[in-house]
Amino acid sequence: MPAFKADAETLPWREWYGLLRWKKRSRHQLRVEPLCDACLKRGRVVPAQVAHHVEPHRGNWNSFRLGKLQSLCKTCHDRKWADDFHGYSPQVGDDGLPLDPRHPFNRVPTQGDR
């Protein structure tokens, strides 16, 4: 039997994002900081669409409710979420190869991998 692999849709805390208290907090974050934080750091002005937890809450209710948020555009949010979830960034360079040294493609094979 194959091992269970969690994804964004099967994580047990996904339903928390449907709660009214989260929706209010998310809207407030986007009102206070309407531009994408990551894009601003790169000198681009892009409207934010998602309130993102700076530190992943990993299902901890208190961290989910009280953790620091940042405003991100959807592209930056998806990139950041993948990095938090998988432990590496999915970004690729112009040559099509992963940029993050933590990406499995960039991992140096060990004796056990052969």
C-alpha atoms as a PDB file:
ATOM      1  CA  MET A   1       0.000   0.000   0.000  1.00  0.00           C
ATOM      2  CA  PRO A   2       1.468   3.409  -0.947  1.00  0.00           C
ATOM      3  CA  ALA A   3       2.327   5.842   1.830  1.00  0.00           C
ATOM      4  CA  PHE A   4      -0.147   8.675   2.445  1.00  0.00           C
ATOM      5  CA  LYS A   5       1.086  12.006   1.113  1.00  0.00           C
ATOM      6  CA  ALA A   6      -0.589  15.125   2.442  1.00  0.00           C
ATOM      7  CA  ASP A   7      -1.290  17.987   0.101  1.00  0.00           C
ATOM      8  CA  ALA A   8      -2.961  21.365   0.459  1.00  0.00           C
ATOM      9  CA  GLU A   9      -6.452  19.861   0.238  1.00  0.00           C
ATOM     10  CA  THR A  10      -5.987  17.072   2.809  1.00  0.00           C
ATOM     11  CA  LEU A  11      -4.371  19.063   5.619  1.00  0.00           C
ATOM     12  CA  PRO A  12      -6.736  18.958   8.615  1.00  0.00           C
ATOM     13  CA  TRP A  13      -6.538  22.695   9.308  1.00  0.00           C
ATOM     14  CA  ARG A  14      -7.694  23.730   5.814  1.00  0.00           C
ATOM     15  CA  GLU A  15     -11.192  24.279   7.214  1.00  0.00           C
ATOM     16  CA  TRP A  16      -9.862  26.990   9.544  1.00  0.00           C
ATOM     17  CA  TYR A  17      -9.460  29.262   6.516  1.00  0.00           C
ATOM     18  CA  GLY A  18     -13.232  29.165   6.052  1.00  0.00           C
ATOM     19  CA  LEU A  19     -13.933  30.545   9.535  1.00  0.00           C
ATOM     20  CA  LEU A  20     -15.362  34.049   9.784  1.00  0.00           C
ATOM     21  CA  ARG A  21     -12.646  35.077  12.250  1.00  0.00           C
ATOM     22  CA  TRP A  22      -9.942  34.151   9.703  1.00  0.00           C
ATOM     23  CA  LYS A  23     -11.744  35.939   6.880  1.00  0.00           C
ATOM     24  CA  LYS A  24     -11.968  39.114   8.976  1.00  0.00           C
ATOM     25  CA  ARG A  25      -8.311  38.888   9.998  1.00  0.00           C
ATOM     26  CA  SER A  26      -7.241  38.244   6.405  1.00  0.00           C
ATOM     27  CA  ARG A  27      -9.259  41.206   5.074  1.00  0.00           C
ATOM     28  CA  HIS A  28      -7.799  43.431   7.797  1.00  0.00           C
ATOM     29  CA  GLN A  29      -4.250  42.380   6.863  1.00  0.00           C
ATOM     30  CA  LEU A  30      -4.837  43.210   3.210  1.00  0.00           C
ATOM     31  CA  ARG A  31      -6.369  46.594   4.122  1.00  0.00           C
ATOM     32  CA  VAL A  32      -3.413  47.504   6.353  1.00  0.00           C
ATOM     33  CA  GLU A  33      -0.786  46.254   3.863  1.00  0.00           C
ATOM     34  CA  PRO A  34      -2.373  46.269   0.371  1.00  0.00           C
ATOM     35  CA  LEU A  35       0.862  45.564  -1.550  1.00  0.00           C
ATOM     36  CA  CYS A  36       2.796  42.310  -1.882  1.00  0.00           C
ATOM     37  CA  ASP A  37       5.623  42.333   0.653  1.00  0.00           C
ATOM     38  CA  ALA A  38       7.870  40.014  -1.372  1.00  0.00           C
ATOM     39  CA  CYS A  39       7.442  42.015  -4.578  1.00  0.00           C
ATOM     40  CA  LEU A  40       8.143  45.285  -2.757  1.00  0.00           C
ATOM     41  CA  LYS A  41      11.451  43.844  -1.527  1.00  0.00           C
ATOM     42  CA  ARG A  42      12.353  43.238  -5.209  1.00  0.00           C
ATOM     43  CA  GLY A  43      11.352  46.780  -6.182  1.00  0.00           C
ATOM     44  CA  ARG A  44       8.020  45.857  -7.785  1.00  0.00           C
ATOM     45  CA  VAL A  45       4.625  47.298  -6.835  1.00  0.00           C
ATOM     46  CA  VAL A  46       2.014  44.523  -7.019  1.00  0.00           C
ATOM     47  CA  PRO A  47      -1.357  44.349  -5.223  1.00  0.00           C
ATOM     48  CA  ALA A  48      -1.528  41.698  -2.494  1.00  0.00           C
ATOM     49  CA  GLN A  49      -4.245  39.051  -2.707  1.00  0.00           C
ATOM     50  CA  VAL A  50      -3.401  36.687   0.176  1.00  0.00           C
ATOM     51  CA  ALA A  51      -2.724  37.095   3.896  1.00  0.00           C
ATOM     52  CA  HIS A  52       0.074  34.616   4.629  1.00  0.00           C
ATOM     53  CA  HIS A  53       1.470  33.394   7.955  1.00  0.00           C
ATOM     54  CA  VAL A  54       5.113  34.493   8.192  1.00  0.00           C
ATOM     55  CA  GLU A  55       5.951  31.424  10.296  1.00  0.00           C
ATOM     56  CA  PRO A  56       4.081  28.256   9.257  1.00  0.00           C
ATOM     57  CA  HIS A  57       1.517  27.346  11.941  1.00  0.00           C
ATOM     58  CA  ARG A  58       1.634  23.599  11.106  1.00  0.00           C
ATOM     59  CA  GLY A  59      -1.813  23.038  12.598  1.00  0.00           C
ATOM     60  CA  ASN A  60      -1.183  24.887  15.872  1.00  0.00           C
ATOM     61  CA  TRP A  61      -4.406  26.796  16.592  1.00  0.00           C
ATOM     62  CA  ASN A  62      -2.718  29.551  18.614  1.00  0.00           C
ATOM     63  CA  SER A  63      -0.116  30.135  15.902  1.00  0.00           C
ATOM     64  CA  PHE A  64      -2.862  30.146  13.280  1.00  0.00           C
ATOM     65  CA  ARG A  65      -4.920  32.727  15.179  1.00  0.00           C
ATOM     66  CA  LEU A  66      -2.120  34.924  16.531  1.00  0.00           C
ATOM     67  CA  GLY A  67       0.887  34.416  14.251  1.00  0.00           C
ATOM     68  CA  LYS A  68       2.313  37.347  12.318  1.00  0.00           C
ATOM     69  CA  LEU A  69       0.895  37.780   8.817  1.00  0.00           C
ATOM     70  CA  GLN A  70       2.270  39.273   5.626  1.00  0.00           C
ATOM     71  CA  SER A  71       0.448  40.367   2.495  1.00  0.00           C
ATOM     72  CA  LEU A  72       1.470  38.557  -0.698  1.00  0.00           C
ATOM     73  CA  CYS A  73       0.321  38.345  -4.305  1.00  0.00           C
ATOM     74  CA  LYS A  74      -0.905  34.912  -5.381  1.00  0.00           C
ATOM     75  CA  THR A  75       2.325  34.066  -7.224  1.00  0.00           C
ATOM     76  CA  CYS A  76       4.538  34.876  -4.224  1.00  0.00           C
ATOM     77  CA  HIS A  77       2.134  33.130  -1.864  1.00  0.00           C
ATOM     78  CA  ASP A  78       2.140  29.918  -3.895  1.00  0.00           C
ATOM     79  CA  ARG A  79       5.942  29.978  -4.060  1.00  0.00           C
ATOM     80  CA  LYS A  80       6.253  30.629  -0.306  1.00  0.00           C
ATOM     81  CA  TRP A  81       3.659  27.984   0.570  1.00  0.00           C
ATOM     82  CA  ALA A  82       5.463  25.351  -1.506  1.00  0.00           C
ATOM     83  CA  ASP A  83       8.746  26.272   0.174  1.00  0.00           C
ATOM     84  CA  ASP A  84       7.166  25.987   3.646  1.00  0.00           C
ATOM     85  CA  PHE A  85       5.340  22.747   2.805  1.00  0.00           C
ATOM     86  CA  HIS A  86       8.072  20.890   0.922  1.00  0.00           C
ATOM     87  CA  GLY A  87      11.110  22.436   2.586  1.00  0.00           C
ATOM     88  CA  TYR A  88      12.478  23.822  -0.664  1.00  0.00           C
ATOM     89  CA  SER A  89      11.562  26.405  -3.265  1.00  0.00           C
ATOM     90  CA  PRO A  90      10.103  25.271  -6.594  1.00  0.00           C
ATOM     91  CA  GLN A  91      11.727  28.189  -8.474  1.00  0.00           C
ATOM     92  CA  VAL A  92      13.758  27.320 -11.540  1.00  0.00           C
ATOM     93  CA  GLY A  93      16.374  29.313 -13.379  1.00  0.00           C
ATOM     94  CA  ASP A  94      16.478  30.266 -17.061  1.00  0.00           C
ATOM     95  CA  ASP A  95      18.058  26.869 -17.765  1.00  0.00           C
ATOM     96  CA  GLY A  96      15.047  25.077 -16.223  1.00  0.00           C
ATOM     97  CA  LEU A  97      17.028  23.714 -13.274  1.00  0.00           C
ATOM     98  CA  PRO A  98      15.928  24.249  -9.643  1.00  0.00           C
ATOM     99  CA  LEU A  99      17.583  27.242  -7.951  1.00  0.00           C
ATOM    100  CA  ASP A 100      17.179  26.033  -4.363  1.00  0.00           C
ATOM    101  CA  PRO A 101      20.100  23.858  -3.214  1.00  0.00           C
ATOM    102  CA  ARG A 102      17.627  22.044  -0.927  1.00  0.00           C
ATOM    103  CA  HIS A 103      15.598  20.862  -3.954  1.00  0.00           C
ATOM    104  CA  PRO A 104      15.784  17.036  -4.359  1.00  0.00           C
ATOM    105  CA  PHE A 105      17.198  17.456  -7.879  1.00  0.00           C
ATOM    106  CA  ASN A 106      20.234  19.225  -6.401  1.00  0.00           C
ATOM    107  CA  ARG A 107      20.810  16.623  -3.709  1.00  0.00           C
ATOM    108  CA  VAL A 108      24.129  14.800  -3.944  1.00  0.00           C
ATOM    109  CA  PRO A 109      23.495  11.032  -4.087  1.00  0.00           C
ATOM    110  CA  THR A 110      24.734   9.113  -1.073  1.00  0.00           C
ATOM    111  CA  GLN A 111      25.816   5.475  -0.780  1.00  0.00           C
ATOM    112  CA  GLY A 112      22.246   4.444   0.195  1.00  0.00           C
ATOM    113  CA  ASP A 113      20.722   6.097  -2.894  1.00  0.00           C
ATOM    114  CA  ARG A 114      22.452   3.771  -5.351  1.00  0.00           C
END
